[in-house]
Protein backbone atom coordinates (compact mmCIF):
# COMPACT_ATOMS: atom_id res chain seq x y z
CA MET A 1 -40.48 -51.20 13.25
CA ASN A 2 -38.15 -48.29 14.03
CA GLN A 3 -36.22 -46.85 11.13
CA HIS A 4 -32.48 -47.37 11.38
CA ASN A 5 -29.73 -45.43 9.67
CA ILE A 6 -27.53 -48.08 8.03
CA LEU A 7 -24.33 -47.93 6.00
CA ILE A 8 -23.54 -50.89 3.73
CA HIS A 9 -20.19 -51.72 2.19
CA GLY A 10 -20.53 -53.55 -1.12
CA ALA A 11 -24.09 -52.49 -1.90
CA THR A 12 -23.38 -52.65 -5.64
CA GLY A 13 -22.13 -56.23 -5.44
CA THR A 14 -23.80 -59.59 -5.82
CA GLN A 15 -24.03 -60.11 -2.06
CA GLY A 16 -24.63 -56.54 -0.97
CA ARG A 17 -27.46 -55.68 -3.34
CA PRO A 18 -29.99 -58.19 -1.88
CA THR A 19 -29.15 -56.92 1.60
CA ALA A 20 -29.68 -53.28 0.61
CA THR A 21 -32.95 -54.18 -1.11
CA ARG A 22 -34.23 -56.04 1.95
CA LEU A 23 -33.30 -53.24 4.36
CA LEU A 24 -34.97 -50.64 2.14
CA ARG A 25 -38.09 -52.78 2.03
CA ASP A 26 -38.10 -52.78 5.83
CA GLY A 27 -38.19 -48.98 5.81
CA HIS A 28 -34.63 -48.23 6.88
CA HIS A 29 -32.48 -45.42 5.56
CA VAL A 30 -29.67 -47.15 3.66
CA GLY A 31 -26.41 -45.50 2.75
CA ALA A 32 -24.17 -47.23 0.22
CA ALA A 33 -20.44 -46.85 0.81
CA VAL A 34 -18.71 -45.77 -2.42
CA ARG A 35 -15.15 -44.82 -3.23
CA SER A 36 -16.23 -42.38 -5.91
CA THR A 37 -19.42 -40.64 -6.97
CA THR A 38 -18.82 -41.94 -10.50
CA ILE A 39 -20.40 -45.29 -9.58
CA THR A 40 -23.55 -43.93 -7.94
CA GLY A 41 -25.56 -44.92 -11.00
CA GLN A 42 -24.91 -48.57 -10.11
CA LEU A 43 -26.45 -48.30 -6.63
CA PRO A 44 -29.70 -50.03 -5.69
CA ALA A 45 -32.63 -47.66 -6.13
CA GLY A 46 -33.43 -45.88 -2.88
CA THR A 47 -29.93 -45.95 -1.39
CA THR A 48 -27.88 -42.84 -0.71
CA ALA A 49 -24.24 -42.69 -1.82
CA VAL A 50 -21.79 -42.16 1.06
CA LEU A 51 -18.09 -41.61 0.35
CA ALA A 52 -16.27 -44.30 2.32
CA ASP A 53 -13.05 -45.86 1.02
CA LEU A 54 -11.83 -48.98 2.82
CA SER A 55 -8.27 -47.81 2.12
CA ASP A 56 -8.86 -44.38 3.71
CA LEU A 57 -9.30 -44.52 7.48
CA ASP A 58 -10.51 -40.93 7.82
CA SER A 59 -13.27 -41.46 5.27
CA LEU A 60 -14.41 -44.56 7.14
CA VAL A 61 -14.50 -42.79 10.49
CA ASN A 62 -16.53 -39.93 9.02
CA SER A 63 -19.00 -42.27 7.31
CA TYR A 64 -19.50 -44.44 10.41
CA ARG A 65 -20.40 -41.50 12.62
CA ASP A 66 -24.12 -40.89 13.14
CA VAL A 67 -25.21 -44.28 11.78
CA ASP A 68 -26.90 -46.98 13.83
CA THR A 69 -25.42 -49.95 11.97
CA VAL A 70 -22.56 -50.65 9.60
CA VAL A 71 -22.84 -53.73 7.39
CA VAL A 72 -19.38 -54.77 6.25
CA GLN A 73 -18.80 -56.86 3.15
CA LEU A 74 -15.23 -56.91 1.93
CA PRO A 75 -14.37 -56.72 -1.78
CA LEU A 76 -12.62 -59.40 -3.80
CA GLU A 77 -9.18 -58.13 -2.91
CA PHE A 78 -6.39 -60.71 -2.92
CA SER A 79 -3.29 -58.59 -2.26
CA SER A 80 -1.97 -57.47 1.13
CA LEU A 81 -4.33 -54.50 0.79
CA ALA A 82 -7.13 -56.79 1.97
CA VAL A 83 -5.65 -57.03 5.49
CA GLU A 84 -4.91 -53.29 5.55
CA GLN A 85 -8.56 -52.62 4.75
CA ALA A 86 -9.68 -54.93 7.55
CA HIS A 87 -7.48 -53.03 10.02
CA ASN A 88 -8.99 -49.75 8.79
CA VAL A 89 -12.50 -51.07 9.44
CA LEU A 90 -11.54 -52.09 12.98
CA ASP A 91 -9.95 -48.71 13.72
CA ALA A 92 -12.91 -46.82 12.22
CA VAL A 93 -15.42 -48.80 14.29
CA THR A 94 -13.46 -47.96 17.42
CA ALA A 95 -13.00 -44.28 16.60
CA SER A 96 -16.58 -43.67 15.50
CA THR A 97 -18.20 -45.65 18.35
CA VAL A 98 -20.81 -47.02 15.95
CA PRO A 99 -23.04 -49.17 18.18
CA ARG A 100 -23.82 -52.08 15.85
CA VAL A 101 -21.75 -53.86 13.21
CA ILE A 102 -22.75 -56.80 11.04
CA PHE A 103 -19.98 -58.52 9.13
CA ASN A 104 -20.86 -60.76 6.23
CA VAL A 105 -17.82 -62.99 5.88
CA GLY A 106 -19.11 -64.06 2.48
CA GLY A 107 -17.34 -67.40 2.52
CA PRO A 108 -15.43 -69.79 4.77
CA MET A 109 -14.97 -68.88 8.42
CA LEU A 110 -11.43 -69.92 9.27
CA PRO A 111 -10.37 -70.07 12.94
CA GLU A 112 -6.79 -68.93 12.28
CA MET A 113 -4.80 -66.79 9.87
CA VAL A 114 -3.41 -68.81 6.96
CA ASP A 115 -1.15 -66.21 5.27
CA VAL A 116 -3.64 -65.68 2.44
CA PRO A 117 -4.65 -61.97 2.55
CA TYR A 118 -8.17 -62.48 1.15
CA LEU A 119 -8.95 -65.06 3.87
CA ASP A 120 -6.90 -63.45 6.64
CA ALA A 121 -8.77 -60.15 6.30
CA ARG A 122 -12.02 -61.97 7.00
CA THR A 123 -10.58 -63.99 9.86
CA LEU A 124 -9.20 -60.81 11.41
CA LEU A 125 -12.53 -58.99 11.31
CA ALA A 126 -14.50 -61.98 12.61
CA ARG A 127 -12.06 -62.31 15.53
CA GLU A 128 -11.63 -58.65 16.47
CA LEU A 129 -14.93 -56.90 15.70
CA PRO A 130 -16.72 -58.30 18.79
CA HIS A 131 -14.21 -56.32 20.88
CA ARG A 132 -14.82 -53.05 19.01
CA ALA A 133 -18.59 -52.42 19.14
CA GLU A 134 -21.46 -53.03 21.54
CA HIS A 135 -23.42 -55.29 19.20
CA VAL A 136 -21.59 -57.37 16.59
CA THR A 137 -22.98 -60.17 14.45
CA ILE A 138 -20.78 -62.30 12.20
CA VAL A 139 -22.77 -63.77 9.30
CA GLY A 140 -21.70 -66.26 6.68
CA PRO A 141 -22.87 -69.15 4.51
CA ALA A 142 -22.66 -72.79 5.58
CA GLY A 143 -21.98 -73.76 1.98
CA THR A 144 -21.79 -72.10 -1.40
CA TYR A 145 -24.31 -69.67 -2.83
CA MET A 146 -27.08 -70.66 -5.21
CA GLU A 147 -26.26 -67.49 -7.15
CA ASN A 148 -22.90 -69.02 -8.11
CA LEU A 149 -24.85 -71.40 -10.32
CA SER A 150 -26.42 -68.60 -12.37
CA ALA A 151 -23.30 -66.40 -12.65
CA PRO A 152 -22.47 -65.33 -16.23
CA GLY A 153 -19.58 -67.78 -16.56
CA MET A 154 -21.90 -70.69 -15.82
CA LEU A 155 -24.40 -69.98 -18.58
CA THR A 156 -22.40 -71.21 -21.56
CA PRO A 157 -21.96 -74.78 -20.24
CA ILE A 158 -25.60 -74.76 -19.06
CA ALA A 159 -26.65 -73.90 -22.61
CA ALA A 160 -24.63 -76.97 -23.67
CA GLY A 161 -26.46 -79.19 -21.16
CA ARG A 162 -23.91 -79.18 -18.30
CA ILE A 163 -23.30 -77.57 -14.96
CA ASP A 164 -19.52 -77.30 -14.76
CA TYR A 165 -18.50 -76.80 -11.13
CA PRO A 166 -15.49 -77.66 -8.93
CA LEU A 167 -17.37 -79.84 -6.44
CA PRO A 168 -17.83 -83.62 -6.49
CA ALA A 169 -21.21 -84.71 -7.84
CA GLU A 170 -21.85 -86.76 -4.71
CA ALA A 171 -21.05 -83.95 -2.23
CA ALA A 172 -24.25 -82.83 -0.48
CA MET A 173 -24.04 -79.06 0.05
CA PRO A 174 -26.50 -76.76 1.91
CA TRP A 175 -26.71 -74.27 -1.00
CA VAL A 176 -27.66 -70.83 0.33
CA ALA A 177 -29.77 -68.16 -1.38
CA LEU A 178 -28.49 -64.61 -0.95
CA ASP A 179 -32.02 -63.47 -0.10
CA ASP A 180 -31.90 -65.74 2.95
CA LEU A 181 -28.56 -64.27 4.00
CA ALA A 182 -30.09 -60.80 3.61
CA ASP A 183 -32.97 -61.85 5.88
CA VAL A 184 -30.53 -62.85 8.62
CA ILE A 185 -28.70 -59.52 8.31
CA ALA A 186 -32.02 -57.65 8.47
CA ASP A 187 -32.95 -59.49 11.66
CA ALA A 188 -29.58 -58.59 13.19
CA VAL A 189 -30.20 -54.90 12.47
CA THR A 190 -33.27 -54.73 14.72
CA ALA A 191 -32.71 -57.48 17.29
CA GLU A 192 -32.44 -56.19 20.86
CA THR A 193 -29.86 -58.89 21.54
CA PRO A 194 -28.53 -59.94 18.13
CA ARG A 195 -26.76 -63.23 17.49
CA ARG A 196 -22.99 -63.12 17.80
CA LEU A 197 -22.66 -65.66 14.97
CA ALA A 198 -25.11 -66.75 12.28
CA VAL A 199 -24.09 -69.46 9.80
CA VAL A 200 -26.79 -69.63 7.15
CA MET A 201 -27.64 -72.87 5.40
CA GLY A 202 -30.19 -73.79 2.78
CA PRO A 203 -33.28 -75.81 3.73
CA GLU A 204 -31.85 -78.96 2.12
CA ALA A 205 -28.39 -80.36 1.42
CA LEU A 206 -28.22 -81.31 -2.25
CA THR A 207 -25.72 -83.27 -4.29
CA GLY A 208 -24.48 -81.96 -7.60
CA ASN A 209 -26.70 -84.41 -9.46
CA GLN A 210 -29.75 -83.18 -7.55
CA VAL A 211 -28.83 -79.59 -8.31
CA ALA A 212 -28.58 -80.42 -12.01
CA ASP A 213 -31.98 -82.13 -11.93
CA HIS A 214 -33.65 -79.14 -10.25
CA ILE A 215 -32.16 -76.55 -12.58
CA GLY A 216 -32.87 -78.76 -15.58
CA ALA A 217 -36.52 -78.93 -14.51
CA SER A 218 -36.68 -75.15 -14.23
CA ILE A 219 -35.41 -74.63 -17.80
CA GLY A 220 -37.31 -77.53 -19.29
CA ARG A 221 -34.46 -79.76 -20.44
CA PRO A 222 -32.09 -82.20 -18.76
CA LEU A 223 -28.76 -81.10 -17.36
CA ARG A 224 -25.87 -83.13 -16.03
CA TRP A 225 -23.41 -82.18 -13.33
CA GLN A 226 -19.80 -82.21 -14.48
CA THR A 227 -17.09 -81.89 -11.86
CA ILE A 228 -14.21 -79.78 -13.08
CA ASP A 229 -10.99 -79.00 -11.24
CA ALA A 230 -10.22 -75.61 -9.76
CA ASP A 231 -7.82 -74.73 -12.59
CA GLU A 232 -10.55 -75.24 -15.18
CA PHE A 233 -12.99 -73.23 -13.08
CA GLU A 234 -10.49 -70.39 -12.83
CA VAL A 235 -10.20 -70.21 -16.60
CA MET A 236 -13.98 -70.37 -16.99
CA ILE A 237 -14.77 -67.44 -14.68
CA ARG A 238 -11.75 -65.29 -15.51
CA PRO A 239 -13.43 -63.30 -18.35
CA GLN A 240 -16.24 -62.22 -16.03
CA ILE A 241 -14.35 -61.28 -12.84
CA GLY A 242 -10.71 -60.79 -13.84
CA LEU A 243 -7.44 -62.58 -13.24
CA ALA A 244 -6.90 -61.88 -9.54
CA ALA A 245 -10.44 -62.62 -8.41
CA ALA A 246 -10.63 -65.81 -10.48
CA ALA A 247 -7.35 -67.02 -9.00
CA GLY A 248 -8.53 -66.28 -5.47
CA ILE A 249 -11.85 -68.04 -5.89
CA ALA A 250 -10.15 -71.04 -7.46
CA ALA A 251 -7.86 -71.21 -4.43
CA PHE A 252 -10.93 -71.44 -2.20
CA TYR A 253 -12.21 -74.44 -4.14
CA ARG A 254 -8.81 -76.09 -3.95
CA SER A 255 -9.16 -75.92 -0.15
CA GLY A 256 -12.07 -78.38 -0.18
CA PRO A 257 -15.29 -76.41 0.57
CA ASP A 258 -17.25 -79.68 0.45
CA GLN A 259 -15.81 -80.63 3.85
CA ALA A 260 -17.95 -80.34 7.00
CA LEU A 261 -17.81 -77.06 8.89
CA PRO A 262 -15.54 -77.39 11.92
CA GLY A 263 -16.40 -76.09 15.35
CA ILE A 264 -19.74 -74.40 14.60
CA GLU A 265 -22.22 -74.68 17.46
CA PRO A 266 -25.72 -75.84 16.43
CA ASP A 267 -27.25 -72.72 17.99
CA SER A 268 -25.33 -70.60 15.49
CA MET A 269 -26.84 -72.35 12.47
CA VAL A 270 -29.76 -70.63 10.74
CA THR A 271 -31.81 -72.44 8.10
CA GLY A 272 -33.07 -70.29 5.24
CA SER A 273 -36.45 -70.73 3.59
CA THR A 274 -35.51 -70.63 -0.10
CA ALA A 275 -35.44 -74.08 -1.68
CA LEU A 276 -33.23 -74.46 -4.73
CA PRO A 277 -36.11 -75.39 -7.10
CA THR A 278 -37.95 -72.21 -6.08
CA TRP A 279 -34.83 -70.13 -6.54
CA ALA A 280 -34.11 -71.72 -9.92
CA GLN A 281 -37.53 -70.76 -11.24
CA ARG A 282 -36.70 -67.08 -10.61
CA GLN A 283 -33.49 -67.07 -12.66
CA LEU A 284 -32.86 -66.11 -16.25
CA TRP A 285 -30.95 -69.08 -17.68
CA THR A 286 -29.94 -67.63 -21.02
CA THR A 287 -26.55 -66.34 -22.16
């Protein structure tokens, strides 16, 4: 496999770190976009810090030059700055003539702008990037991430015997492991003709009750699924991720993520290999 020079936005985050780790394992040179050298200690081992601020077009253009691939993962930004950052990415891709871009939407793929900056920034990039670079792949999950279930805010109710989550217990969701999403991104880096769209789903759609049974089995005691509303979920996760991010994520769950994906062609669906029971066995389920 040829070594590629890759720049990743969000390499220190929950979604970006597995991608960086996978690309490093494949032997690529991985640069991690950072706004400041003060956070370089948080980078995945083996990555190289590259100054690239999504709010600074010049820094983006400079960082995109001389790389083979840019992997874009937008931050949890809920103000109008989110759309400004998306425009900067588009302009930097055009100015730098980077040949390959992979955009991890990280959540729902909406066909139209909805006047919500966090969502509109993602819709804008998914719509416009294919016109800005030779090879563009848009990647996203078909459902919610397994890693949401082991996030710090979830551990207190799990210790009390519950999985508190804003989805109906009977809703069957194709829970996706981030390692499987990273695999799809890694394939897009080296594919001669990469997919234009890859919607990643888990190997099995599971109801909330089934999820509780699997995680309960992994920790050796029974758990029950408890559906909570988005307001309760917002309060629960606020201490870990802050007011703005918690409000934005709660808004996503108010939109009904348990509904079927509209307009996705079957050829764009990719089934991951990580089953939830296998994933659950790898987690540390203590507060």
